[in-house]
Every structure is written in structure tokens, then in C-alpha cells.
């Protein structure tokens, strides 16, 4: 069994890939949110 066949057939590997994908998506969202809030921040007086 090759590595690719194991990745396709093993549900634990799919769960790990899904978890990593969710974490990366959340990190990307928070980076976007942070940069958007910085760009739209009002000028200090």
C-alpha cells in the first residue's frame, strides 16, 4: 500500500487533514479581520 492509497482510504487521516484545514481557515480569517480593522481604524485625536 502506497502513501497515497493510505491517505485516500484511512478516515483518521481524513479527519486530521480536515482539522488542519479548519485551523488554517480560522487563522486566515483572524489575520484578515485584524488587517481590516487596522485599515478602517479612525484617526487618533
PDB file of N, CA and C in Angstrom:
ATOM      1  N   UNK A   1       0.846  -1.184   0.000  1.00  0.00           N
ATOM      2  CA  UNK A   1       0.000   0.000   0.000  1.00  0.00           C
ATOM      3  C   UNK A   1       0.886   1.241   0.000  1.00  0.00           C
ATOM      4  N   UNK A   2       0.624   2.105  -0.945  1.00  0.00           N
ATOM      5  CA  UNK A   2       1.417   3.328  -1.023  1.00  0.00           C
ATOM      6  C   UNK A   2       0.864   4.369  -0.059  1.00  0.00           C
ATOM      7  N   UNK A   3       1.587   5.436   0.082  1.00  0.00           N
ATOM      8  CA  UNK A   3       1.173   6.507   0.981  1.00  0.00           C
ATOM      9  C   UNK A   3      -0.135   7.131   0.501  1.00  0.00           C
ATOM     10  N   UNK A   4      -0.260   7.319  -0.815  1.00  0.00           N
ATOM     11  CA  UNK A   4      -1.468   7.947  -1.358  1.00  0.00           C
ATOM     12  C   UNK A   4      -2.691   7.070  -1.148  1.00  0.00           C
ATOM     13  N   UNK A   5      -2.549   5.766  -1.289  1.00  0.00           N
ATOM     14  CA  UNK A   5      -3.669   4.856  -1.047  1.00  0.00           C
ATOM     15  C   UNK A   5      -4.079   4.906   0.418  1.00  0.00           C
ATOM     16  N   UNK A   6      -3.113   5.028   1.318  1.00  0.00           N
ATOM     17  CA  UNK A   6      -3.423   5.118   2.740  1.00  0.00           C
ATOM     18  C   UNK A   6      -4.159   6.413   3.057  1.00  0.00           C
ATOM     19  N   UNK A   7      -3.737   7.509   2.451  1.00  0.00           N
ATOM     20  CA  UNK A   7      -4.400   8.796   2.690  1.00  0.00           C
ATOM     21  C   UNK A   7      -5.842   8.745   2.206  1.00  0.00           C
ATOM     22  N   UNK A   8      -6.066   8.129   1.060  1.00  0.00           N
ATOM     23  CA  UNK A   8      -7.417   8.077   0.497  1.00  0.00           C
ATOM     24  C   UNK A   8      -8.324   7.152   1.300  1.00  0.00           C
ATOM     25  N   UNK A   9      -7.799   6.068   1.818  1.00  0.00           N
ATOM     26  CA  UNK A   9      -8.658   5.057   2.435  1.00  0.00           C
ATOM     27  C   UNK A   9      -8.806   5.167   3.954  1.00  0.00           C
ATOM     28  N   UNK A  10      -7.961   5.935   4.631  1.00  0.00           N
ATOM     29  CA  UNK A  10      -7.976   5.957   6.095  1.00  0.00           C
ATOM     30  C   UNK A  10      -8.790   7.141   6.621  1.00  0.00           C
ATOM     31  N   UNK A  11      -9.876   6.908   7.358  1.00  0.00           N
ATOM     32  CA  UNK A  11     -10.685   8.025   7.859  1.00  0.00           C
ATOM     33  C   UNK A  11      -9.968   8.864   8.920  1.00  0.00           C
ATOM     34  N   UNK A  12      -9.020   8.302   9.633  1.00  0.00           N
ATOM     35  CA  UNK A  12      -8.285   9.067  10.634  1.00  0.00           C
ATOM     36  C   UNK A  12      -7.404  10.112   9.952  1.00  0.00           C
ATOM     37  N   UNK A  13      -6.819   9.748   8.832  1.00  0.00           N
ATOM     38  CA  UNK A  13      -6.009  10.705   8.077  1.00  0.00           C
ATOM     39  C   UNK A  13      -6.892  11.819   7.538  1.00  0.00           C
ATOM     40  N   UNK A  14      -8.073  11.473   7.025  1.00  0.00           N
ATOM     41  CA  UNK A  14      -9.012  12.491   6.535  1.00  0.00           C
ATOM     42  C   UNK A  14      -9.427  13.433   7.662  1.00  0.00           C
ATOM     43  N   UNK A  15      -9.675  12.894   8.847  1.00  0.00           N
ATOM     44  CA  UNK A  15     -10.031  13.739   9.988  1.00  0.00           C
ATOM     45  C   UNK A  15      -8.920  14.698  10.364  1.00  0.00           C
ATOM     46  N   UNK A  16      -7.679  14.217  10.305  1.00  0.00           N
ATOM     47  CA  UNK A  16      -6.541  15.082  10.623  1.00  0.00           C
ATOM     48  C   UNK A  16      -6.396  16.181   9.580  1.00  0.00           C
ATOM     49  N   UNK A  17      -6.537  15.828   8.323  1.00  0.00           N
ATOM     50  CA  UNK A  17      -6.444  16.827   7.256  1.00  0.00           C
ATOM     51  C   UNK A  17      -7.566  17.861   7.398  1.00  0.00           C
ATOM     52  N   UNK A  18      -8.763  17.395   7.713  1.00  0.00           N
ATOM     53  CA  UNK A  18      -9.886  18.309   7.910  1.00  0.00           C
ATOM     54  C   UNK A  18      -9.620  19.244   9.094  1.00  0.00           C
ATOM     55  N   UNK A  19      -9.107  18.706  10.188  1.00  0.00           N
ATOM     56  CA  UNK A  19      -8.798  19.535  11.356  1.00  0.00           C
ATOM     57  C   UNK A  19      -7.745  20.587  11.057  1.00  0.00           C
ATOM     58  N   UNK A  20      -6.702  20.211  10.339  1.00  0.00           N
ATOM     59  CA  UNK A  20      -5.660  21.167   9.958  1.00  0.00           C
ATOM     60  C   UNK A  20      -6.238  22.232   9.042  1.00  0.00           C
ATOM     61  N   UNK A  21      -7.115  21.825   8.135  1.00  0.00           N
ATOM     62  CA  UNK A  21      -7.751  22.786   7.230  1.00  0.00           C
ATOM     63  C   UNK A  21      -8.608  23.788   7.978  1.00  0.00           C
ATOM     64  N   UNK A  22      -9.359  23.324   8.967  1.00  0.00           N
ATOM     65  CA  UNK A  22     -10.206  24.224   9.764  1.00  0.00           C
ATOM     66  C   UNK A  22      -9.346  25.204  10.547  1.00  0.00           C
ATOM     67  N   UNK A  23      -8.276  24.725  11.145  1.00  0.00           N
ATOM     68  CA  UNK A  23      -7.385  25.610  11.907  1.00  0.00           C
ATOM     69  C   UNK A  23      -6.755  26.655  10.989  1.00  0.00           C
ATOM     70  N   UNK A  24      -6.317  26.250   9.807  1.00  0.00           N
ATOM     71  CA  UNK A  24      -5.723  27.206   8.865  1.00  0.00           C
ATOM     72  C   UNK A  24      -6.755  28.228   8.395  1.00  0.00           C
ATOM     73  N   UNK A  25      -7.993  27.789   8.168  1.00  0.00           N
ATOM     74  CA  UNK A  25      -9.053  28.711   7.760  1.00  0.00           C
ATOM     75  C   UNK A  25      -9.335  29.728   8.860  1.00  0.00           C
ATOM     76  N   UNK A  26      -9.382  29.290  10.110  1.00  0.00           N
ATOM     77  CA  UNK A  26      -9.606  30.228  11.221  1.00  0.00           C
ATOM     78  C   UNK A  26      -8.445  31.213  11.356  1.00  0.00           C
ATOM     79  N   UNK A  27      -7.226  30.738  11.193  1.00  0.00           N
ATOM     80  CA  UNK A  27      -6.070  31.635  11.263  1.00  0.00           C
ATOM     81  C   UNK A  27      -6.134  32.678  10.149  1.00  0.00           C
ATOM     82  N   UNK A  28      -6.488  32.259   8.948  1.00  0.00           N
ATOM     83  CA  UNK A  28      -6.615  33.192   7.836  1.00  0.00           C
ATOM     84  C   UNK A  28      -7.702  34.217   8.076  1.00  0.00           C
ATOM     85  N   UNK A  29      -8.832  33.780   8.647  1.00  0.00           N
ATOM     86  CA  UNK A  29      -9.927  34.703   8.953  1.00  0.00           C
ATOM     87  C   UNK A  29      -9.480  35.754   9.970  1.00  0.00           C
ATOM     88  N   UNK A  30      -8.788  35.330  11.017  1.00  0.00           N
ATOM     89  CA  UNK A  30      -8.367  36.287  12.035  1.00  0.00           C
ATOM     90  C   UNK A  30      -7.304  37.241  11.511  1.00  0.00           C
ATOM     91  N   UNK A  31      -6.435  36.796  10.623  1.00  0.00           N
ATOM     92  CA  UNK A  31      -5.467  37.708  10.000  1.00  0.00           C
ATOM     93  C   UNK A  31      -6.208  38.740   9.162  1.00  0.00           C
ATOM     94  N   UNK A  32      -7.189  38.287   8.359  1.00  0.00           N
ATOM     95  CA  UNK A  32      -7.984  39.209   7.543  1.00  0.00           C
ATOM     96  C   UNK A  32      -8.731  40.206   8.432  1.00  0.00           C
ATOM     97  N   UNK A  33      -9.341  39.720   9.511  1.00  0.00           N
ATOM     98  CA  UNK A  33     -10.084  40.592  10.418  1.00  0.00           C
ATOM     99  C   UNK A  33      -9.171  41.632  11.055  1.00  0.00           C
ATOM    100  N   UNK A  34      -8.003  41.222  11.507  1.00  0.00           N
ATOM    101  CA  UNK A  34      -7.039  42.115  12.129  1.00  0.00           C
ATOM    102  C   UNK A  34      -6.594  43.196  11.148  1.00  0.00           C
ATOM    103  N   UNK A  35      -6.236  42.804   9.926  1.00  0.00           N
ATOM    104  CA  UNK A  35      -5.770  43.773   8.938  1.00  0.00           C
ATOM    105  C   UNK A  35      -6.889  44.720   8.502  1.00  0.00           C
ATOM    106  N   UNK A  36      -8.112  44.203   8.396  1.00  0.00           N
ATOM    107  CA  UNK A  36      -9.245  45.048   8.029  1.00  0.00           C
ATOM    108  C   UNK A  36      -9.533  46.073   9.119  1.00  0.00           C
ATOM    109  N   UNK A  37      -9.466  45.667  10.365  1.00  0.00           N
ATOM    110  CA  UNK A  37      -9.703  46.595  11.465  1.00  0.00           C
ATOM    111  C   UNK A  37      -8.609  47.652  11.556  1.00  0.00           C
ATOM    112  N   UNK A  38      -7.379  47.292  11.247  1.00  0.00           N
ATOM    113  CA  UNK A  38      -6.305  48.274  11.234  1.00  0.00           C
ATOM    114  C   UNK A  38      -6.531  49.286  10.108  1.00  0.00           C
ATOM    115  N   UNK A  39      -6.923  48.798   8.925  1.00  0.00           N
ATOM    116  CA  UNK A  39      -7.113  49.689   7.786  1.00  0.00           C
ATOM    117  C   UNK A  39      -8.291  50.628   7.996  1.00  0.00           C
ATOM    118  N   UNK A  40      -9.323  50.198   8.713  1.00  0.00           N
ATOM    119  CA  UNK A  40     -10.528  51.010   8.901  1.00  0.00           C
ATOM    120  C   UNK A  40     -10.565  51.721  10.257  1.00  0.00           C
ATOM    121  N   UNK A  41      -9.474  51.743  10.967  1.00  0.00           N
ATOM    122  CA  UNK A  41      -9.456  52.377  12.280  1.00  0.00           C
ATOM    123  C   UNK A  41      -9.540  53.894  12.136  1.00  0.00           C
ATOM    124  N   UNK A  42     -10.291  54.545  13.020  1.00  0.00           N
ATOM    125  CA  UNK A  42     -10.371  56.008  12.961  1.00  0.00           C
ATOM    126  C   UNK A  42      -9.035  56.632  13.369  1.00  0.00           C
ATOM    127  N   UNK A  43      -8.812  57.831  12.869  1.00  0.00           N
ATOM    128  CA  UNK A  43      -7.581  58.551  13.218  1.00  0.00           C
ATOM    129  C   UNK A  43      -7.613  58.976  14.676  1.00  0.00           C
ATOM    130  N   UNK A  44      -6.518  58.811  15.407  1.00  0.00           N
ATOM    131  CA  UNK A  44      -6.500  59.282  16.796  1.00  0.00           C
ATOM    132  C   UNK A  44      -6.489  60.797  16.846  1.00  0.00           C
ATOM    133  N   UNK A  45      -7.092  61.341  17.907  1.00  0.00           N
ATOM    134  CA  UNK A  45      -7.156  62.815  18.048  1.00  0.00           C
ATOM    135  C   UNK A  45      -5.961  63.357  18.771  1.00  0.00           C
TER     136      UNK A  45
END
